[in-house]
Protein backbone atom coordinates (compact mmCIF):
# COMPACT_ATOMS: atom_id res chain seq x y z
CA MET A 1 -12.86 -27.70 23.01
CA THR A 2 -12.81 -24.17 24.47
CA ARG A 3 -9.29 -23.68 23.18
CA ARG A 4 -10.25 -24.87 19.71
CA VAL A 5 -13.34 -22.66 19.51
CA LEU A 6 -11.51 -19.57 20.73
CA ALA A 7 -8.64 -20.14 18.35
CA ALA A 8 -10.95 -20.67 15.38
CA LEU A 9 -12.97 -17.57 16.22
CA CYS A 10 -9.83 -15.51 16.66
CA ALA A 11 -8.37 -16.57 13.32
CA GLY A 12 -11.67 -16.12 11.47
CA LEU A 13 -12.44 -12.68 12.85
CA LEU A 14 -8.94 -11.43 12.18
CA LEU A 15 -8.98 -12.80 8.65
CA ALA A 16 -12.24 -10.92 8.00
CA LEU A 17 -10.71 -7.75 9.42
CA GLY A 18 -7.60 -8.13 7.32
CA VAL A 19 -9.23 -8.65 3.94
CA SER A 20 -11.95 -6.01 4.37
CA SER A 21 -11.15 -2.54 3.10
CA PRO A 22 -13.38 0.52 2.80
CA ALA A 23 -14.09 1.98 -0.60
CA ALA A 24 -11.46 4.56 -1.52
CA ALA A 25 -9.58 6.01 -4.42
CA ASP A 26 -7.56 3.57 -6.52
CA PRO A 27 -4.27 3.67 -4.57
CA ALA A 28 -0.80 3.60 -6.03
CA GLY A 29 0.61 0.09 -6.29
CA PRO A 30 3.91 -1.55 -7.20
CA THR A 31 4.92 -0.85 -10.80
CA ASP A 32 7.66 -1.58 -13.32
CA TYR A 33 7.48 1.86 -14.93
CA LEU A 34 8.93 5.21 -13.88
CA SER A 35 7.24 8.40 -15.07
CA GLU A 36 9.10 11.71 -14.93
CA ILE A 37 8.39 15.33 -15.77
CA THR A 38 10.83 16.33 -18.52
CA ALA A 39 9.63 19.81 -19.46
CA ILE A 40 7.31 22.64 -18.45
CA GLU A 41 6.90 24.99 -21.39
CA PRO A 42 7.00 27.89 -21.09
CA ALA A 43 8.87 27.61 -17.79
CA THR A 44 7.17 29.12 -14.75
CA SER A 45 8.17 29.21 -11.09
CA SER A 46 4.58 29.51 -9.85
CA ILE A 47 3.81 25.80 -10.20
CA SER A 48 5.51 22.55 -9.19
CA VAL A 49 4.68 19.22 -10.86
CA GLU A 50 5.87 15.73 -9.91
CA VAL A 51 4.82 12.11 -10.32
CA LEU A 52 3.98 10.05 -7.21
CA GLY A 53 4.00 6.29 -6.76
CA GLY A 54 6.43 5.67 -9.61
CA ASP A 55 3.93 6.38 -12.36
CA SER A 56 0.55 6.42 -10.66
CA PHE A 57 -0.37 10.01 -9.72
CA VAL A 58 0.49 13.46 -11.02
CA GLN A 59 0.75 16.05 -8.25
CA LEU A 60 0.43 19.76 -8.97
CA GLU A 61 1.28 22.42 -6.39
CA VAL A 62 0.41 26.05 -7.13
CA GLU A 63 1.72 29.19 -5.44
CA ASN A 64 -0.76 31.42 -3.63
CA GLY A 65 -1.94 34.17 -5.93
CA THR A 66 -1.70 31.97 -9.03
CA GLU A 67 -4.71 30.46 -10.79
CA VAL A 68 -4.36 27.22 -12.78
CA VAL A 69 -6.85 25.17 -14.77
CA VAL A 70 -5.96 21.58 -15.73
CA ILE A 71 -7.41 20.66 -19.13
CA GLY A 72 -8.93 17.18 -19.43
CA TYR A 73 -8.72 14.55 -22.15
CA ARG A 74 -11.55 16.08 -24.18
CA SER A 75 -10.35 19.69 -23.83
CA GLU A 76 -12.77 20.28 -20.94
CA GLU A 77 -11.92 22.14 -17.72
CA TYR A 78 -11.05 19.38 -15.25
CA LEU A 79 -9.36 20.90 -12.18
CA TRP A 80 -9.33 24.53 -11.04
CA PHE A 81 -6.61 25.71 -8.66
CA GLN A 82 -7.82 29.05 -7.35
CA ALA A 83 -5.54 31.88 -6.25
CA ASP A 84 -6.37 31.38 -2.55
CA GLY A 85 -5.29 27.70 -2.59
CA THR A 86 -8.74 26.16 -3.04
CA VAL A 87 -8.77 23.26 -5.52
CA LEU A 88 -12.00 22.39 -7.32
CA GLU A 89 -12.91 19.38 -9.47
CA ASN A 90 -15.46 19.61 -12.28
CA ARG A 91 -18.12 16.95 -11.63
CA ASN A 92 -19.38 17.37 -15.20
CA ALA A 93 -15.98 16.68 -16.75
CA PRO A 94 -15.55 13.24 -18.37
CA SER A 95 -11.95 13.21 -17.06
CA THR A 96 -13.24 13.19 -13.47
CA TYR A 97 -14.72 9.71 -13.96
CA THR A 98 -12.09 8.39 -16.36
CA ASN A 99 -9.54 9.10 -13.61
CA ASP A 100 -11.36 7.03 -10.99
CA ASP A 101 -8.87 4.22 -11.55
CA ARG A 102 -5.46 3.79 -13.09
CA PHE A 103 -6.72 2.11 -16.26
CA GLY A 104 -9.53 4.58 -16.98
CA GLY A 105 -12.37 2.19 -16.19
CA GLY A 106 -14.68 4.70 -14.54
CA GLU A 107 -18.20 4.87 -15.97
CA LEU A 108 -19.36 8.20 -17.39
CA PRO A 109 -22.71 9.52 -16.08
CA ALA A 110 -25.05 11.31 -18.49
CA ASN A 111 -24.03 14.73 -17.15
CA ALA A 112 -20.32 14.20 -17.95
CA THR A 113 -19.87 15.74 -21.39
CA PRO A 114 -17.08 17.98 -22.75
CA ASP A 115 -19.44 20.90 -23.41
CA ALA A 116 -21.39 20.71 -20.11
CA GLU A 117 -21.37 23.74 -17.82
CA PRO A 118 -18.75 23.05 -15.09
CA ASP A 119 -20.05 21.87 -11.72
CA TRP A 120 -17.21 22.64 -9.31
CA GLU A 121 -16.66 20.70 -6.09
CA GLU A 122 -13.89 21.44 -3.58
CA VAL A 123 -11.32 18.64 -3.23
CA ALA A 124 -8.43 20.45 -1.49
CA SER A 125 -7.66 23.75 0.19
CA ASN A 126 -3.85 23.97 0.29
CA GLY A 127 -3.06 24.59 -3.37
CA ARG A 128 -1.90 21.00 -3.91
CA TYR A 129 -3.71 18.03 -5.42
CA SER A 130 -2.87 14.63 -6.96
CA TRP A 131 -4.79 12.63 -9.57
CA HIS A 132 -4.47 9.72 -11.99
CA ASP A 133 -3.53 11.27 -15.31
CA HIS A 134 -3.53 8.73 -18.12
CA ARG A 135 -1.24 10.88 -20.22
CA ALA A 136 1.52 10.13 -17.71
CA HIS A 137 1.65 6.32 -17.51
CA TRP A 138 1.30 3.05 -19.40
CA MET A 139 -2.41 2.25 -19.65
CA GLN A 140 -2.34 -1.54 -20.12
CA SER A 141 -1.85 -4.41 -17.69
CA ILE A 142 0.20 -6.26 -20.35
CA ARG A 143 3.75 -5.39 -21.37
CA PRO A 144 4.29 -2.88 -24.19
CA ALA A 145 4.51 -4.79 -27.48
CA GLY A 146 7.87 -4.48 -29.20
CA ALA A 147 9.51 -2.78 -26.20
CA GLN A 148 12.08 -4.03 -23.77
CA VAL A 149 13.49 -3.08 -20.39
CA GLY A 150 15.05 0.38 -20.50
CA ASP A 151 12.83 1.67 -23.32
CA GLN A 152 10.73 4.81 -23.11
CA ILE A 153 7.16 3.58 -23.53
CA VAL A 154 5.06 6.73 -22.98
CA GLU A 155 5.39 10.41 -23.80
CA GLY A 156 2.42 12.62 -23.02
CA VAL A 157 1.53 16.27 -22.55
CA ILE A 158 -0.72 17.64 -19.80
CA PRO A 159 -2.08 21.05 -20.84
CA LEU A 160 -2.59 23.76 -18.22
CA LEU A 161 -3.81 27.32 -18.17
CA VAL A 162 -1.62 29.28 -15.75
CA ASP A 163 -3.15 32.69 -15.12
CA GLY A 164 -4.75 32.35 -18.54
CA ASP A 165 -1.54 31.38 -20.38
CA GLU A 166 -1.12 27.96 -22.01
CA VAL A 167 1.55 25.80 -20.34
CA ASP A 168 2.41 22.25 -21.43
CA VAL A 169 3.78 19.68 -18.98
CA THR A 170 5.62 16.85 -20.76
CA VAL A 171 5.86 13.45 -19.09
CA ILE A 172 7.76 10.34 -20.17
CA SER A 173 7.59 6.81 -18.73
CA THR A 174 10.39 4.24 -18.83
CA TRP A 175 10.29 0.47 -18.34
CA LEU A 176 12.61 -0.46 -15.46
CA PRO A 177 14.42 -3.77 -14.79
CA GLU A 178 13.27 -6.18 -12.11
CA PRO A 179 14.63 -5.61 -8.60
CA SER A 180 17.28 -7.76 -6.94
CA PRO A 181 15.81 -10.85 -5.22
CA VAL A 182 18.33 -10.55 -2.37
CA PRO A 183 16.19 -8.39 0.00
CA GLY A 184 13.23 -10.74 -0.38
CA LEU A 185 15.36 -13.81 0.24
CA GLY A 186 16.99 -12.15 3.22
CA GLY A 187 13.64 -11.22 4.71
CA ALA A 188 12.29 -14.74 4.19
CA LEU A 189 15.30 -16.18 5.99
CA LEU A 190 14.87 -13.74 8.87
CA GLY A 191 11.20 -14.60 9.27
CA PHE A 192 11.95 -18.33 9.22
CA ALA A 193 14.86 -17.97 11.67
CA VAL A 194 12.87 -15.94 14.19
CA ALA A 195 9.91 -18.33 14.04
CA ALA A 196 12.27 -21.31 14.40
CA SER A 197 13.91 -19.71 17.44
CA GLY A 198 10.46 -19.32 18.99
CA ALA A 199 9.83 -23.04 18.42
CA VAL A 200 13.16 -23.94 20.04
CA PHE A 201 12.37 -21.84 23.12
CA TYR A 202 8.88 -23.33 23.29
CA ARG A 203 10.27 -26.87 23.25
CA ALA A 204 12.72 -25.85 25.98
CA ARG A 205 9.78 -24.54 28.05
CA ARG A 206 11.27 -21.05 28.06
CA GLN A 207 9.70 -17.67 27.25
CA TRP A 208 8.98 -17.98 23.50
CA ALA A 209 6.24 -15.53 22.51
CA TRP A 210 8.73 -12.64 22.13
CA ALA A 211 9.68 -14.12 18.74
CA ALA A 212 6.74 -12.40 17.00
CA VAL A 213 7.73 -8.92 18.24
CA PRO A 214 10.68 -7.97 15.95
CA VAL A 215 9.00 -9.00 12.68
CA SER A 216 5.79 -7.21 13.69
CA VAL A 217 7.71 -4.01 14.45
CA LEU A 218 9.56 -4.29 11.13
CA ALA A 219 6.26 -4.65 9.24
CA LEU A 220 4.74 -1.70 11.09
CA GLY A 221 7.67 0.52 10.16
CA ALA A 222 7.44 -0.40 6.49
CA GLY A 223 3.65 -0.10 6.39
CA ALA A 224 3.55 3.26 8.16
CA ALA A 225 6.25 4.63 5.86
CA GLN A 226 4.25 3.60 2.81
CA PHE A 227 0.99 5.06 4.15
CA LEU A 228 2.62 8.39 5.01
CA SER A 229 4.38 8.60 1.63
CA LEU A 230 1.18 9.34 -0.30
CA PRO A 231 -1.32 12.22 0.04
CA SER A 232 -4.82 11.39 1.26
CA GLU A 233 -6.54 11.99 -2.10
CA THR A 234 -4.60 9.08 -3.63
CA GLY A 235 -6.29 6.64 -1.23
CA PRO A 236 -3.34 5.10 0.67
CA ARG A 237 -4.55 1.83 2.19
CA TRP A 238 -5.05 1.89 5.95
CA ILE A 239 -4.31 -1.83 6.17
CA TRP A 240 -0.68 -1.00 5.33
CA TRP A 241 -0.28 0.10 8.97
CA VAL A 242 -3.35 -1.21 10.80
CA LEU A 243 -2.57 -4.91 10.35
CA PRO A 244 1.03 -4.69 11.64
CA THR A 245 -0.16 -2.43 14.49
CA ILE A 246 -2.50 -5.21 15.60
CA ALA A 247 0.38 -7.66 15.23
CA VAL A 248 2.68 -5.52 17.42
CA LEU A 249 0.04 -5.17 20.15
CA ALA A 250 -0.82 -8.87 20.08
CA ALA A 251 2.84 -9.90 20.12
CA GLY A 252 3.50 -7.53 23.03
CA VAL A 253 0.63 -9.00 25.05
CA ALA A 254 1.85 -12.49 24.20
CA ALA A 255 5.39 -11.72 25.35
CA VAL A 256 4.19 -10.26 28.66
CA SER A 257 1.77 -13.16 29.23
CA GLY A 258 4.53 -15.67 28.63
CA ARG A 259 6.54 -14.13 31.45
CA VAL A 260 3.69 -14.62 33.93
CA ASP A 261 3.02 -18.17 32.74
CA LYS A 262 -0.27 -17.48 30.95
CA GLN A 263 0.53 -19.79 28.09
CA PHE A 264 -2.94 -19.81 26.54
CA VAL A 265 -2.96 -16.00 26.30
CA ALA A 266 0.59 -16.05 24.95
CA ALA A 267 -0.31 -18.59 22.25
CA ALA A 268 -3.48 -16.69 21.30
CA GLY A 269 -1.50 -13.46 21.00
CA VAL A 270 1.11 -15.06 18.76
CA LEU A 271 -1.67 -16.53 16.61
CA VAL A 272 -3.21 -13.08 16.20
CA ALA A 273 0.15 -11.58 15.26
CA GLY A 274 0.94 -14.37 12.81
CA VAL A 275 -2.39 -14.09 11.00
CA GLN A 276 -2.06 -10.32 10.66
CA LEU A 277 1.47 -10.59 9.30
CA VAL A 278 0.50 -13.21 6.71
CA ILE A 279 -2.43 -11.13 5.45
CA TRP A 280 -0.25 -7.99 5.37
CA GLY A 281 2.42 -9.83 3.40
CA LEU A 282 -0.14 -11.15 0.91
CA VAL A 283 -1.54 -7.63 0.41
CA LYS A 284 1.97 -6.37 -0.41
CA ARG A 285 3.33 -9.41 -2.26
CA ASP A 286 3.41 -7.69 -5.68
CA GLY A 287 6.13 -5.41 -4.38
CA LEU A 288 8.52 -8.35 -4.12
CA THR A 289 8.98 -8.47 -7.89
CA ALA A 290 7.99 -4.95 -9.06
CA ALA A 291 10.70 -2.44 -9.88
CA LEU A 292 9.11 0.39 -7.87
CA ILE A 293 7.05 0.46 -4.67
CA PRO A 294 5.00 3.55 -3.74
CA THR A 295 6.91 4.45 -0.58
CA ASP A 296 9.52 6.95 0.52
CA ALA A 297 11.38 4.14 2.28
CA PRO A 298 14.07 2.31 0.27
CA GLY A 299 12.51 -0.39 -1.87
CA TRP A 300 14.75 -3.09 -0.44
CA VAL A 301 13.50 -2.33 3.08
CA ASP A 302 9.87 -2.82 2.00
CA ARG A 303 10.68 -6.08 0.20
CA PHE A 304 12.70 -7.34 3.16
CA ALA A 305 9.83 -6.58 5.56
CA THR A 306 7.20 -8.15 3.29
CA ALA A 307 9.09 -11.42 2.91
CA ALA A 308 9.87 -11.57 6.65
CA ALA A 309 6.18 -11.04 7.46
CA LEU A 310 5.09 -13.84 5.14
CA THR A 311 7.49 -16.53 6.36
CA GLY A 312 7.53 -15.35 9.96
CA GLY A 313 3.75 -14.99 10.09
CA ILE A 314 3.20 -18.52 8.82
CA GLY A 315 5.71 -19.84 11.33
CA PHE A 316 4.18 -17.93 14.25
CA ALA A 317 0.65 -19.07 13.38
CA LEU A 318 1.68 -22.72 13.15
CA LEU A 319 3.65 -22.52 16.41
CA ALA A 320 0.72 -20.86 18.18
CA LEU A 321 -1.72 -23.49 16.97
CA TRP A 322 0.62 -26.19 18.24
CA ALA A 323 0.86 -24.45 21.62
CA LEU A 324 -2.93 -24.15 21.80
CA PHE A 325 -3.83 -27.70 20.75
CA ALA A 326 -0.87 -29.85 21.79
CA PRO A 327 -1.56 -29.71 25.55
CA ALA A 328 -5.13 -30.91 25.00
CA SER A 329 -3.88 -33.76 22.82
CA ALA A 330 -1.29 -34.74 25.41
CA THR A 331 -3.90 -34.75 28.19
CA ARG A 332 -6.25 -36.98 26.19
CA THR A 333 -3.40 -39.41 25.44
CA THR A 334 -2.44 -39.62 29.11
CA GLN A 335 -6.04 -40.18 30.20
CA ALA A 336 -6.53 -42.90 27.59
CA SER A 337 -3.41 -44.79 28.63
CA SER A 338 -4.45 -44.73 32.29
């Protein structure tokens, strides 16, 4: 009964930890569209503009000594990049609230009107800032009607004032083909194979808890790379690296405990690792089929790690539950027969 209660509490608490997430900016997610800057007119070397997360965020970097104002959707002053690197956001600009999420669902407060006096609030101090700009990406969750893979689906212009001069940044977005399923299939096979090897070693009464270590490390590498690929103002999700970190620590404890014949601790550690990997894989599952994933790591690496975490995590959790409950069942059967 103690084993059952501890295992249930462990799984429940870790599930609550995994699915909870603090409020943050709408982070970049997997996408099938690629947005690119095609022109800055007139050309100027004092600014640098790029799109992050495939098509999710526009990032503007301004040289020291240059002042830039980003014009919002209703011709209001939205962002102010000052000459000393300070970046201010106008809290009375409608664009500030429209940009709260990718699809423009932010509610406008009464003070947010195009002709309101700007209310500036500092959002950065290094001359660089990123924001959802709906002129730079497809604004619907459904596919573009009448378009097909390879078509340009968006062309927009982001107006700036650079030291008082009008500068237009042109952005286009293209619909990309689906990714190859090979990395996902390969990762799923790896996760299954490693979990199966753990089961074989368990049946042979050999050290088995090590099986959760390699998949946990793989997930941590992919999650950390994704988190570090995006600036803080875009709201990268901490669970991208926290969940696999817990999995690595739990798997490490399990492997060490198995060597000193603490099988209950080993099984509990593998259960913790398995639950974390499954939740992490579910959080990232959309990346298995999306053309682009918001990470600086190769997309195939992220898909491989996600699939391995899903299949491996399920296998580890089932194996750990068997290791926790099977001895109790065997003891009851022996006592009953005697």
